Amino acid sequence: INYAQALRRRPLTIDLLAWECTDRNALTIAFETVREQRSEETFAIMLAAGYRPTMELRAFIALVTSGMHYLLIRSRNIKVFAGAAVQSDAFWEDELPRLIRSLVGALAPEQSGLH
């Protein structure tokens, strides 16, 4: 949730995410490498805190973050996607966080600690 809100404040980063989808070059590869290193650091922190970064959790995070990336990129040019007002603060500050919390709770309510 914090990640999505941080990205919304960084339009240049959204531009880089879009570029990475259309062009593979030394700079986009470097961007990918740093992003993956940060992901592994996050999983290491989770492991140290007693959470197991299972393949299901990794897949969940990949789906949620890639969905956020896509919607942020699309929100530069469209107002609504699948009925969601992707340019609105309400979507990013209320609706999406509520959905993510619900999904996290359904994924592993006894382990999430995010309620």
PDB file of N, CA and C in Angstrom:
ATOM      1  N   ILE A   1       0.847  -1.185   0.000  1.00  0.00           N
ATOM      2  CA  ILE A   1       0.000   0.000   0.000  1.00  0.00           C
ATOM      3  C   ILE A   1       0.887   1.242   0.000  1.00  0.00           C
ATOM      4  N   ASN A   2       1.898   1.248   0.869  1.00  0.00           N
ATOM      5  CA  ASN A   2       2.835   2.381   0.896  1.00  0.00           C
ATOM      6  C   ASN A   2       3.587   2.496  -0.427  1.00  0.00           C
ATOM      7  N   TYR A   3       3.898   1.350  -1.019  1.00  0.00           N
ATOM      8  CA  TYR A   3       4.615   1.332  -2.293  1.00  0.00           C
ATOM      9  C   TYR A   3       3.795   2.025  -3.377  1.00  0.00           C
ATOM     10  N   ALA A   4       2.529   1.692  -3.473  1.00  0.00           N
ATOM     11  CA  ALA A   4       1.664   2.317  -4.486  1.00  0.00           C
ATOM     12  C   ALA A   4       1.575   3.818  -4.254  1.00  0.00           C
ATOM     13  N   GLN A   5       1.426   4.219  -3.001  1.00  0.00           N
ATOM     14  CA  GLN A   5       1.323   5.645  -2.711  1.00  0.00           C
ATOM     15  C   GLN A   5       2.635   6.369  -3.030  1.00  0.00           C
ATOM     16  N   ALA A   6       3.766   5.702  -2.766  1.00  0.00           N
ATOM     17  CA  ALA A   6       5.064   6.306  -3.088  1.00  0.00           C
ATOM     18  C   ALA A   6       5.235   6.444  -4.597  1.00  0.00           C
ATOM     19  N   LEU A   7       4.831   5.426  -5.339  1.00  0.00           N
ATOM     20  CA  LEU A   7       4.938   5.504  -6.797  1.00  0.00           C
ATOM     21  C   LEU A   7       4.086   6.629  -7.369  1.00  0.00           C
ATOM     22  N   ARG A   8       2.911   6.829  -6.825  1.00  0.00           N
ATOM     23  CA  ARG A   8       2.044   7.914  -7.321  1.00  0.00           C
ATOM     24  C   ARG A   8       2.704   9.277  -7.183  1.00  0.00           C
ATOM     25  N   ARG A   9       3.593   9.416  -6.206  1.00  0.00           N
ATOM     26  CA  ARG A   9       4.305  10.686  -6.004  1.00  0.00           C
ATOM     27  C   ARG A   9       5.541  10.795  -6.895  1.00  0.00           C
ATOM     28  N   ARG A  10       5.810   9.732  -7.673  1.00  0.00           N
ATOM     29  CA  ARG A  10       7.022   9.699  -8.493  1.00  0.00           C
ATOM     30  C   ARG A  10       6.673   9.400  -9.959  1.00  0.00           C
ATOM     31  N   PRO A  11       6.175  10.385 -10.676  1.00  0.00           N
ATOM     32  CA  PRO A  11       5.783  10.140 -12.072  1.00  0.00           C
ATOM     33  C   PRO A  11       6.936   9.666 -12.955  1.00  0.00           C
ATOM     34  N   LEU A  12       8.160  10.100 -12.662  1.00  0.00           N
ATOM     35  CA  LEU A  12       9.295   9.635 -13.457  1.00  0.00           C
ATOM     36  C   LEU A  12       9.503   8.127 -13.274  1.00  0.00           C
ATOM     37  N   THR A  13       9.306   7.634 -12.069  1.00  0.00           N
ATOM     38  CA  THR A  13       9.422   6.198 -11.823  1.00  0.00           C
ATOM     39  C   THR A  13       8.357   5.444 -12.602  1.00  0.00           C
ATOM     40  N   ILE A  14       7.156   5.991 -12.673  1.00  0.00           N
ATOM     41  CA  ILE A  14       6.095   5.364 -13.473  1.00  0.00           C
ATOM     42  C   ILE A  14       6.504   5.338 -14.942  1.00  0.00           C
ATOM     43  N   ASP A  15       7.125   6.406 -15.409  1.00  0.00           N
ATOM     44  CA  ASP A  15       7.636   6.417 -16.781  1.00  0.00           C
ATOM     45  C   ASP A  15       8.676   5.314 -16.988  1.00  0.00           C
ATOM     46  N   LEU A  16       9.555   5.130 -16.017  1.00  0.00           N
ATOM     47  CA  LEU A  16      10.568   4.071 -16.114  1.00  0.00           C
ATOM     48  C   LEU A  16       9.930   2.689 -16.127  1.00  0.00           C
ATOM     49  N   LEU A  17       8.903   2.493 -15.316  1.00  0.00           N
ATOM     50  CA  LEU A  17       8.198   1.202 -15.306  1.00  0.00           C
ATOM     51  C   LEU A  17       7.572   0.920 -16.671  1.00  0.00           C
ATOM     52  N   ALA A  18       7.004   1.945 -17.277  1.00  0.00           N
ATOM     53  CA  ALA A  18       6.418   1.784 -18.612  1.00  0.00           C
ATOM     54  C   ALA A  18       7.511   1.473 -19.629  1.00  0.00           C
ATOM     55  N   TRP A  19       8.608   2.183 -19.550  1.00  0.00           N
ATOM     56  CA  TRP A  19       9.718   1.987 -20.478  1.00  0.00           C
ATOM     57  C   TRP A  19      10.267   0.571 -20.372  1.00  0.00           C
ATOM     58  N   GLU A  20      10.381   0.083 -19.134  1.00  0.00           N
ATOM     59  CA  GLU A  20      10.912  -1.259 -18.897  1.00  0.00           C
ATOM     60  C   GLU A  20      10.064  -2.328 -19.594  1.00  0.00           C
ATOM     61  N   CYS A  21       8.780  -2.063 -19.752  1.00  0.00           N
ATOM     62  CA  CYS A  21       7.884  -3.018 -20.415  1.00  0.00           C
ATOM     63  C   CYS A  21       8.077  -3.042 -21.930  1.00  0.00           C
ATOM     64  N   THR A  22       8.634  -1.993 -22.494  1.00  0.00           N
ATOM     65  CA  THR A  22       8.718  -1.899 -23.955  1.00  0.00           C
ATOM     66  C   THR A  22      10.130  -1.966 -24.504  1.00  0.00           C
ATOM     67  N   ASP A  23      11.135  -1.821 -23.647  1.00  0.00           N
ATOM     68  CA  ASP A  23      12.505  -1.770 -24.142  1.00  0.00           C
ATOM     69  C   ASP A  23      13.437  -2.433 -23.134  1.00  0.00           C
ATOM     70  N   ARG A  24      14.203  -3.405 -23.606  1.00  0.00           N
ATOM     71  CA  ARG A  24      15.186  -4.050 -22.744  1.00  0.00           C
ATOM     72  C   ARG A  24      16.559  -3.548 -23.165  1.00  0.00           C
ATOM     73  N   ASN A  25      17.186  -2.798 -22.268  1.00  0.00           N
ATOM     74  CA  ASN A  25      18.515  -2.253 -22.545  1.00  0.00           C
ATOM     75  C   ASN A  25      19.297  -2.208 -21.235  1.00  0.00           C
ATOM     76  N   ALA A  26      20.496  -1.706 -21.272  1.00  0.00           N
ATOM     77  CA  ALA A  26      21.346  -1.709 -20.074  1.00  0.00           C
ATOM     78  C   ALA A  26      20.699  -0.974 -18.902  1.00  0.00           C
ATOM     79  N   LEU A  27      20.043   0.124 -19.177  1.00  0.00           N
ATOM     80  CA  LEU A  27      19.426   0.895 -18.090  1.00  0.00           C
ATOM     81  C   LEU A  27      18.206   0.181 -17.509  1.00  0.00           C
ATOM     82  N   THR A  28      17.337  -0.363 -18.362  1.00  0.00           N
ATOM     83  CA  THR A  28      16.160  -1.069 -17.828  1.00  0.00           C
ATOM     84  C   THR A  28      16.573  -2.355 -17.119  1.00  0.00           C
ATOM     85  N   ILE A  29      17.643  -2.984 -17.572  1.00  0.00           N
ATOM     86  CA  ILE A  29      18.159  -4.183 -16.889  1.00  0.00           C
ATOM     87  C   ILE A  29      18.696  -3.794 -15.514  1.00  0.00           C
ATOM     88  N   ALA A  30      19.387  -2.663 -15.424  1.00  0.00           N
ATOM     89  CA  ALA A  30      19.889  -2.187 -14.126  1.00  0.00           C
ATOM     90  C   ALA A  30      18.732  -1.882 -13.187  1.00  0.00           C
ATOM     91  N   PHE A  31      17.683  -1.270 -13.718  1.00  0.00           N
ATOM     92  CA  PHE A  31      16.490  -0.970 -12.926  1.00  0.00           C
ATOM     93  C   PHE A  31      15.862  -2.270 -12.399  1.00  0.00           C
ATOM     94  N   GLU A  32      15.752  -3.260 -13.271  1.00  0.00           N
ATOM     95  CA  GLU A  32      15.214  -4.570 -12.886  1.00  0.00           C
ATOM     96  C   GLU A  32      16.075  -5.216 -11.793  1.00  0.00           C
ATOM     97  N   THR A  33      17.387  -5.145 -11.940  1.00  0.00           N
ATOM     98  CA  THR A  33      18.303  -5.748 -10.971  1.00  0.00           C
ATOM     99  C   THR A  33      18.132  -5.125  -9.595  1.00  0.00           C
ATOM    100  N   VAL A  34      18.075  -3.808  -9.537  1.00  0.00           N
ATOM    101  CA  VAL A  34      17.897  -3.121  -8.251  1.00  0.00           C
ATOM    102  C   VAL A  34      16.554  -3.491  -7.637  1.00  0.00           C
ATOM    103  N   ARG A  35      15.486  -3.508  -8.445  1.00  0.00           N
ATOM    104  CA  ARG A  35      14.158  -3.852  -7.935  1.00  0.00           C
ATOM    105  C   ARG A  35      14.169  -5.265  -7.340  1.00  0.00           C
ATOM    106  N   GLU A  36      14.787  -6.213  -8.031  1.00  0.00           N
ATOM    107  CA  GLU A  36      14.826  -7.585  -7.536  1.00  0.00           C
ATOM    108  C   GLU A  36      15.688  -7.706  -6.271  1.00  0.00           C
ATOM    109  N   GLN A  37      16.770  -6.944  -6.187  1.00  0.00           N
ATOM    110  CA  GLN A  37      17.581  -6.932  -4.970  1.00  0.00           C
ATOM    111  C   GLN A  37      16.765  -6.412  -3.788  1.00  0.00           C
ATOM    112  N   ARG A  38      15.992  -5.368  -4.019  1.00  0.00           N
ATOM    113  CA  ARG A  38      15.140  -4.811  -2.956  1.00  0.00           C
ATOM    114  C   ARG A  38      14.078  -5.828  -2.532  1.00  0.00           C
ATOM    115  N   SER A  39      13.540  -6.555  -3.490  1.00  0.00           N
ATOM    116  CA  SER A  39      12.549  -7.588  -3.162  1.00  0.00           C
ATOM    117  C   SER A  39      13.165  -8.650  -2.259  1.00  0.00           C
ATOM    118  N   GLU A  40      14.362  -9.087  -2.609  1.00  0.00           N
ATOM    119  CA  GLU A  40      15.026 -10.110  -1.792  1.00  0.00           C
ATOM    120  C   GLU A  40      15.360  -9.575  -0.408  1.00  0.00           C
ATOM    121  N   GLU A  41      15.733  -8.306  -0.309  1.00  0.00           N
ATOM    122  CA  GLU A  41      15.989  -7.696   0.998  1.00  0.00           C
ATOM    123  C   GLU A  41      14.702  -7.663   1.828  1.00  0.00           C
ATOM    124  N   THR A  42      13.588  -7.368   1.172  1.00  0.00           N
ATOM    125  CA  THR A  42      12.298  -7.359   1.869  1.00  0.00           C
ATOM    126  C   THR A  42      11.955  -8.749   2.377  1.00  0.00           C
ATOM    127  N   PHE A  43      12.162  -9.766   1.537  1.00  0.00           N
ATOM    128  CA  PHE A  43      11.877 -11.135   1.973  1.00  0.00           C
ATOM    129  C   PHE A  43      12.801 -11.549   3.119  1.00  0.00           C
ATOM    130  N   ALA A  44      14.049 -11.098   3.114  1.00  0.00           N
ATOM    131  CA  ALA A  44      14.967 -11.406   4.209  1.00  0.00           C
ATOM    132  C   ALA A  44      14.492 -10.763   5.510  1.00  0.00           C
ATOM    133  N   ILE A  45      13.990  -9.540   5.432  1.00  0.00           N
ATOM    134  CA  ILE A  45      13.443  -8.868   6.616  1.00  0.00           C
ATOM    135  C   ILE A  45      12.235  -9.632   7.131  1.00  0.00           C
ATOM    136  N   MET A  46      11.367 -10.073   6.213  1.00  0.00           N
ATOM    137  CA  MET A  46      10.185 -10.844   6.616  1.00  0.00           C
ATOM    138  C   MET A  46      10.599 -12.140   7.308  1.00  0.00           C
ATOM    139  N   LEU A  47      11.596 -12.820   6.762  1.00  0.00           N
ATOM    140  CA  LEU A  47      12.074 -14.069   7.350  1.00  0.00           C
ATOM    141  C   LEU A  47      12.633 -13.822   8.745  1.00  0.00           C
ATOM    142  N   ALA A  48      13.403 -12.755   8.897  1.00  0.00           N
ATOM    143  CA  ALA A  48      13.967 -12.419  10.213  1.00  0.00           C
ATOM    144  C   ALA A  48      12.884 -12.082  11.222  1.00  0.00           C
ATOM    145  N   ALA A  49      11.744 -11.571  10.736  1.00  0.00           N
ATOM    146  CA  ALA A  49      10.628 -11.230  11.621  1.00  0.00           C
ATOM    147  C   ALA A  49       9.732 -12.417  11.909  1.00  0.00           C
ATOM    148  N   GLY A  50      10.058 -13.582  11.340  1.00  0.00           N
ATOM    149  CA  GLY A  50       9.286 -14.777  11.638  1.00  0.00           C
ATOM    150  C   GLY A  50       8.257 -15.154  10.589  1.00  0.00           C
ATOM    151  N   TYR A  51       8.209 -14.429   9.480  1.00  0.00           N
ATOM    152  CA  TYR A  51       7.281 -14.755   8.396  1.00  0.00           C
ATOM    153  C   TYR A  51       8.001 -15.619   7.375  1.00  0.00           C
ATOM    154  N   ARG A  52       7.283 -16.557   6.818  1.00  0.00           N
ATOM    155  CA  ARG A  52       7.867 -17.412   5.788  1.00  0.00           C
ATOM    156  C   ARG A  52       7.507 -16.854   4.408  1.00  0.00           C
ATOM    157  N   PRO A  53       8.499 -16.402   3.655  1.00  0.00           N
ATOM    158  CA  PRO A  53       8.212 -15.905   2.299  1.00  0.00           C
ATOM    159  C   PRO A  53       8.021 -17.078   1.330  1.00  0.00           C
ATOM    160  N   THR A  54       6.866 -17.697   1.400  1.00  0.00           N
ATOM    161  CA  THR A  54       6.565 -18.865   0.572  1.00  0.00           C
ATOM    162  C   THR A  54       6.433 -18.467  -0.896  1.00  0.00           C
ATOM    163  N   MET A  55       6.403 -19.467  -1.757  1.00  0.00           N
ATOM    164  CA  MET A  55       6.187 -19.192  -3.184  1.00  0.00           C
ATOM    165  C   MET A  55       4.813 -18.558  -3.400  1.00  0.00           C
ATOM    166  N   GLU A  56       3.819 -18.963  -2.608  1.00  0.00           N
ATOM    167  CA  GLU A  56       2.498 -18.355  -2.725  1.00  0.00           C
ATOM    168  C   GLU A  56       2.547 -16.871  -2.384  1.00  0.00           C
ATOM    169  N   LEU A  57       3.300 -16.535  -1.343  1.00  0.00           N
ATOM    170  CA  LEU A  57       3.433 -15.131  -0.956  1.00  0.00           C
ATOM    171  C   LEU A  57       4.173 -14.351  -2.040  1.00  0.00           C
ATOM    172  N   ARG A  58       5.220 -14.931  -2.574  1.00  0.00           N
ATOM    173  CA  ARG A  58       5.960 -14.270  -3.655  1.00  0.00           C
ATOM    174  C   ARG A  58       5.041 -14.045  -4.861  1.00  0.00           C
ATOM    175  N   ALA A  59       4.244 -15.046  -5.209  1.00  0.00           N
ATOM    176  CA  ALA A  59       3.314 -14.910  -6.341  1.00  0.00           C
ATOM    177  C   ALA A  59       2.274 -13.837  -6.050  1.00  0.00           C
ATOM    178  N   PHE A  60       1.758 -13.814  -4.830  1.00  0.00           N
ATOM    179  CA  PHE A  60       0.782 -12.804  -4.432  1.00  0.00           C
ATOM    180  C   PHE A  60       1.383 -11.403  -4.593  1.00  0.00           C
ATOM    181  N   ILE A  61       2.587 -11.223  -4.078  1.00  0.00           N
ATOM    182  CA  ILE A  61       3.244  -9.918  -4.169  1.00  0.00           C
ATOM    183  C   ILE A  61       3.505  -9.552  -5.624  1.00  0.00           C
ATOM    184  N   ALA A  62       3.913 -10.521  -6.434  1.00  0.00           N
ATOM    185  CA  ALA A  62       4.149 -10.253  -7.859  1.00  0.00           C
ATOM    186  C   ALA A  62       2.860  -9.802  -8.542  1.00  0.00           C
ATOM    187  N   LEU A  63       1.749 -10.466  -8.243  1.00  0.00           N
ATOM    188  CA  LEU A  63       0.475 -10.085  -8.858  1.00  0.00           C
ATOM    189  C   LEU A  63       0.024  -8.701  -8.417  1.00  0.00           C
ATOM    190  N   VAL A  64       0.108  -8.444  -7.131  1.00  0.00           N
ATOM    191  CA  VAL A  64      -0.348  -7.151  -6.616  1.00  0.00           C
ATOM    192  C   VAL A  64       0.536  -6.014  -7.132  1.00  0.00           C
ATOM    193  N   THR A  65       1.857  -6.190  -7.062  1.00  0.00           N
ATOM    194  CA  THR A  65       2.723  -5.096  -7.497  1.00  0.00           C
ATOM    195  C   THR A  65       2.660  -4.892  -9.016  1.00  0.00           C
ATOM    196  N   SER A  66       2.592  -5.977  -9.770  1.00  0.00           N
ATOM    197  CA  SER A  66       2.489  -5.793 -11.224  1.00  0.00           C
ATOM    198  C   SER A  66       1.154  -5.153 -11.590  1.00  0.00           C
ATOM    199  N   GLY A  67       0.102  -5.505 -10.866  1.00  0.00           N
ATOM    200  CA  GLY A  67      -1.189  -4.853 -11.089  1.00  0.00           C
ATOM    201  C   GLY A  67      -1.128  -3.370 -10.767  1.00  0.00           C
ATOM    202  N   MET A  68      -0.448  -3.021  -9.677  1.00  0.00           N
ATOM    203  CA  MET A  68      -0.284  -1.602  -9.338  1.00  0.00           C
ATOM    204  C   MET A  68       0.509  -0.889 -10.423  1.00  0.00           C
ATOM    205  N   HIS A  69       1.599  -1.520 -10.872  1.00  0.00           N
ATOM    206  CA  HIS A  69       2.397  -0.906 -11.937  1.00  0.00           C
ATOM    207  C   HIS A  69       1.533  -0.645 -13.162  1.00  0.00           C
ATOM    208  N   TYR A  70       0.799  -1.653 -13.583  1.00  0.00           N
ATOM    209  CA  TYR A  70      -0.027  -1.531 -14.776  1.00  0.00           C
ATOM    210  C   TYR A  70      -1.057  -0.410 -14.624  1.00  0.00           C
ATOM    211  N   LEU A  71      -1.749  -0.398 -13.493  1.00  0.00           N
ATOM    212  CA  LEU A  71      -2.779   0.619 -13.291  1.00  0.00           C
ATOM    213  C   LEU A  71      -2.184   2.022 -13.190  1.00  0.00           C
ATOM    214  N   LEU A  72      -1.021   2.137 -12.574  1.00  0.00           N
ATOM    215  CA  LEU A  72      -0.362   3.437 -12.511  1.00  0.00           C
ATOM    216  C   LEU A  72       0.050   3.911 -13.901  1.00  0.00           C
ATOM    217  N   ILE A  73       0.583   2.998 -14.705  1.00  0.00           N
ATOM    218  CA  ILE A  73       0.969   3.359 -16.069  1.00  0.00           C
ATOM    219  C   ILE A  73      -0.270   3.756 -16.872  1.00  0.00           C
ATOM    220  N   ARG A  74      -1.311   2.953 -16.791  1.00  0.00           N
ATOM    221  CA  ARG A  74      -2.535   3.249 -17.544  1.00  0.00           C
ATOM    222  C   ARG A  74      -3.213   4.517 -17.059  1.00  0.00           C
ATOM    223  N   SER A  75      -3.110   4.805 -15.769  1.00  0.00           N
ATOM    224  CA  SER A  75      -3.798   5.981 -15.221  1.00  0.00           C
ATOM    225  C   SER A  75      -3.240   7.289 -15.772  1.00  0.00           C
ATOM    226  N   ARG A  76      -2.105   7.233 -16.436  1.00  0.00           N
ATOM    227  CA  ARG A  76      -1.576   8.437 -17.078  1.00  0.00           C
ATOM    228  C   ARG A  76      -2.451   8.851 -18.253  1.00  0.00           C
ATOM    229  N   ASN A  77      -3.185   7.868 -18.853  1.00  0.00           N
ATOM    230  CA  ASN A  77      -3.946   8.145 -20.069  1.00  0.00           C
ATOM    231  C   ASN A  77      -5.433   7.816 -19.985  1.00  0.00           C
ATOM    232  N   ILE A  78      -5.835   7.060 -18.992  1.00  0.00           N
ATOM    233  CA  ILE A  78      -7.256   6.705 -18.883  1.00  0.00           C
ATOM    234  C   ILE A  78      -7.750   7.013 -17.473  1.00  0.00           C
ATOM    235  N   LYS A  79      -9.044   7.263 -17.354  1.00  0.00           N
ATOM    236  CA  LYS A  79      -9.629   7.578 -16.046  1.00  0.00           C
ATOM    237  C   LYS A  79     -10.188   6.353 -15.342  1.00  0.00           C
ATOM    238  N   VAL A  80     -10.692   5.390 -16.107  1.00  0.00           N
ATOM    239  CA  VAL A  80     -11.365   4.226 -15.524  1.00  0.00           C
ATOM    240  C   VAL A  80     -10.812   2.958 -16.149  1.00  0.00           C
ATOM    241  N   PHE A  81     -10.552   1.955 -15.330  1.00  0.00           N
ATOM    242  CA  PHE A  81     -10.135   0.641 -15.809  1.00  0.00           C
ATOM    243  C   PHE A  81     -10.950  -0.403 -15.062  1.00  0.00           C
ATOM    244  N   ALA A  82     -11.716  -1.188 -15.792  1.00  0.00           N
ATOM    245  CA  ALA A  82     -12.572  -2.234 -15.204  1.00  0.00           C
ATOM    246  C   ALA A  82     -13.487  -1.653 -14.119  1.00  0.00           C
ATOM    247  N   GLY A  83     -13.949  -0.450 -14.358  1.00  0.00           N
ATOM    248  CA  GLY A  83     -14.854   0.187 -13.417  1.00  0.00           C
ATOM    249  C   GLY A  83     -14.177   0.922 -12.275  1.00  0.00           C
ATOM    250  N   ALA A  84     -12.853   0.792 -12.172  1.00  0.00           N
ATOM    251  CA  ALA A  84     -12.116   1.462 -11.100  1.00  0.00           C
ATOM    252  C   ALA A  84     -11.618   2.816 -11.594  1.00  0.00           C
ATOM    253  N   ALA A  85     -11.862   3.849 -10.804  1.00  0.00           N
ATOM    254  CA  ALA A  85     -11.436   5.210 -11.157  1.00  0.00           C
ATOM    255  C   ALA A  85      -9.960   5.357 -10.823  1.00  0.00           C
ATOM    256  N   VAL A  86      -9.093   4.904 -11.754  1.00  0.00           N
ATOM    257  CA  VAL A  86      -7.666   4.783 -11.481  1.00  0.00           C
ATOM    258  C   VAL A  86      -6.914   6.116 -11.377  1.00  0.00           C
ATOM    259  N   GLN A  87      -7.557   7.207 -11.711  1.00  0.00           N
ATOM    260  CA  GLN A  87      -6.923   8.519 -11.514  1.00  0.00           C
ATOM    261  C   GLN A  87      -7.344   9.167 -10.198  1.00  0.00           C
ATOM    262  N   SER A  88      -8.250   8.525  -9.474  1.00  0.00           N
ATOM    263  CA  SER A  88      -8.786   9.155  -8.261  1.00  0.00           C
ATOM    264  C   SER A  88      -7.975   8.807  -7.020  1.00  0.00           C
ATOM    265  N   ASP A  89      -7.878   9.775  -6.128  1.00  0.00           N
ATOM    266  CA  ASP A  89      -7.238   9.527  -4.835  1.00  0.00           C
ATOM    267  C   ASP A  89      -7.994   8.459  -4.054  1.00  0.00           C
ATOM    268  N   ALA A  90      -9.310   8.442  -4.159  1.00  0.00           N
ATOM    269  CA  ALA A  90     -10.107   7.460  -3.413  1.00  0.00           C
ATOM    270  C   ALA A  90      -9.723   6.043  -3.787  1.00  0.00           C
ATOM    271  N   PHE A  91      -9.459   5.791  -5.053  1.00  0.00           N
ATOM    272  CA  PHE A  91      -9.062   4.444  -5.467  1.00  0.00           C
ATOM    273  C   PHE A  91      -7.747   4.046  -4.808  1.00  0.00           C
ATOM    274  N   TRP A  92      -6.749   4.909  -4.882  1.00  0.00           N
ATOM    275  CA  TRP A  92      -5.413   4.574  -4.389  1.00  0.00           C
ATOM    276  C   TRP A  92      -5.285   4.664  -2.873  1.00  0.00           C
ATOM    277  N   GLU A  93      -6.075   5.525  -2.253  1.00  0.00           N
ATOM    278  CA  GLU A  93      -5.944   5.720  -0.807  1.00  0.00           C
ATOM    279  C   GLU A  93      -6.947   4.919   0.009  1.00  0.00           C
ATOM    280  N   ASP A  94      -8.080   4.529  -0.591  1.00  0.00           N
ATOM    281  CA  ASP A  94      -9.113   3.818   0.159  1.00  0.00           C
ATOM    282  C   ASP A  94      -9.436   2.445  -0.427  1.00  0.00           C
ATOM    283  N   GLU A  95      -9.867   2.438  -1.694  1.00  0.00           N
ATOM    284  CA  GLU A  95     -10.372   1.207  -2.296  1.00  0.00           C
ATOM    285  C   GLU A  95      -9.289   0.142  -2.458  1.00  0.00           C
ATOM    286  N   LEU A  96      -8.166   0.489  -3.087  1.00  0.00           N
ATOM    287  CA  LEU A  96      -7.099  -0.489  -3.288  1.00  0.00           C
ATOM    288  C   LEU A  96      -6.501  -0.974  -1.962  1.00  0.00           C
ATOM    289  N   PRO A  97      -6.187  -0.099  -1.014  1.00  0.00           N
ATOM    290  CA  PRO A  97      -5.680  -0.595   0.268  1.00  0.00           C
ATOM    291  C   PRO A  97      -6.654  -1.548   0.976  1.00  0.00           C
ATOM    292  N   ARG A  98      -7.945  -1.242   0.912  1.00  0.00           N
ATOM    293  CA  ARG A  98      -8.940  -2.126   1.534  1.00  0.00           C
ATOM    294  C   ARG A  98      -8.910  -3.505   0.867  1.00  0.00           C
ATOM    295  N   LEU A  99      -8.826  -3.538  -0.453  1.00  0.00           N
ATOM    296  CA  LEU A  99      -8.763  -4.799  -1.175  1.00  0.00           C
ATOM    297  C   LEU A  99      -7.493  -5.568  -0.824  1.00  0.00           C
ATOM    298  N   ILE A 100      -6.367  -4.891  -0.803  1.00  0.00           N
ATOM    299  CA  ILE A 100      -5.100  -5.565  -0.487  1.00  0.00           C
ATOM    300  C   ILE A 100      -5.143  -6.153   0.920  1.00  0.00           C
ATOM    301  N   ARG A 101      -5.672  -5.401   1.873  1.00  0.00           N
ATOM    302  CA  ARG A 101      -5.773  -5.939   3.243  1.00  0.00           C
ATOM    303  C   ARG A 101      -6.679  -7.168   3.283  1.00  0.00           C
ATOM    304  N   SER A 102      -7.751  -7.148   2.544  1.00  0.00           N
ATOM    305  CA  SER A 102      -8.654  -8.307   2.483  1.00  0.00           C
ATOM    306  C   SER A 102      -7.948  -9.507   1.878  1.00  0.00           C
ATOM    307  N   LEU A 103      -7.211  -9.285   0.809  1.00  0.00           N
ATOM    308  CA  LEU A 103      -6.496 -10.388   0.163  1.00  0.00           C
ATOM    309  C   LEU A 103      -5.400 -10.948   1.062  1.00  0.00           C
ATOM    310  N   VAL A 104      -4.676 -10.082   1.738  1.00  0.00           N
ATOM    311  CA  VAL A 104      -3.634 -10.543   2.659  1.00  0.00           C
ATOM    312  C   VAL A 104      -4.259 -11.375   3.771  1.00  0.00           C
ATOM    313  N   GLY A 105      -5.374 -10.919   4.304  1.00  0.00           N
ATOM    314  CA  GLY A 105      -6.060 -11.675   5.356  1.00  0.00           C
ATOM    315  C   GLY A 105      -6.537 -13.029   4.871  1.00  0.00           C
ATOM    316  N   ALA A 106      -6.986 -13.102   3.632  1.00  0.00           N
ATOM    317  CA  ALA A 106      -7.452 -14.376   3.075  1.00  0.00           C
ATOM    318  C   ALA A 106      -6.289 -15.302   2.759  1.00  0.00           C
ATOM    319  N   LEU A 107      -5.134 -14.736   2.425  1.00  0.00           N
ATOM    320  CA  LEU A 107      -3.974 -15.541   2.066  1.00  0.00           C
ATOM    321  C   LEU A 107      -3.442 -16.317   3.262  1.00  0.00           C
ATOM    322  N   ALA A 108      -3.291 -15.636   4.388  1.00  0.00           N
ATOM    323  CA  ALA A 108      -2.748 -16.287   5.586  1.00  0.00           C
ATOM    324  C   ALA A 108      -3.146 -15.498   6.816  1.00  0.00           C
ATOM    325  N   PRO A 109      -4.425 -15.567   7.208  1.00  0.00           N
ATOM    326  CA  PRO A 109      -4.876 -14.726   8.322  1.00  0.00           C
ATOM    327  C   PRO A 109      -4.115 -14.973   9.619  1.00  0.00           C
ATOM    328  N   GLU A 110      -3.658 -16.196   9.851  1.00  0.00           N
ATOM    329  CA  GLU A 110      -2.959 -16.467  11.113  1.00  0.00           C
ATOM    330  C   GLU A 110      -1.513 -15.987  11.101  1.00  0.00           C
ATOM    331  N   GLN A 111      -0.958 -15.703   9.900  1.00  0.00           N
ATOM    332  CA  GLN A 111       0.430 -15.286   9.818  1.00  0.00           C
ATOM    333  C   GLN A 111       0.606 -13.842   9.384  1.00  0.00           C
ATOM    334  N   SER A 112      -0.410 -13.250   8.810  1.00  0.00           N
ATOM    335  CA  SER A 112      -0.191 -11.958   8.171  1.00  0.00           C
ATOM    336  C   SER A 112       0.171 -10.863   9.155  1.00  0.00           C
ATOM    337  N   GLY A 113      -0.474 -10.820  10.296  1.00  0.00           N
ATOM    338  CA  GLY A 113      -0.201  -9.761  11.253  1.00  0.00           C
ATOM    339  C   GLY A 113      -0.527  -8.380  10.696  1.00  0.00           C
ATOM    340  N   LEU A 114      -1.309  -8.321   9.624  1.00  0.00           N
ATOM    341  CA  LEU A 114      -1.570  -7.050   8.963  1.00  0.00           C
ATOM    342  C   LEU A 114      -3.004  -6.589   9.134  1.00  0.00           C
ATOM    343  N   HIS A 115      -3.739  -7.118  10.048  1.00  0.00           N
ATOM    344  CA  HIS A 115      -5.143  -6.731  10.241  1.00  0.00           C
ATOM    345  C   HIS A 115      -5.260  -5.443  11.007  1.00  0.00           C
TER     346      HIS A 115
END
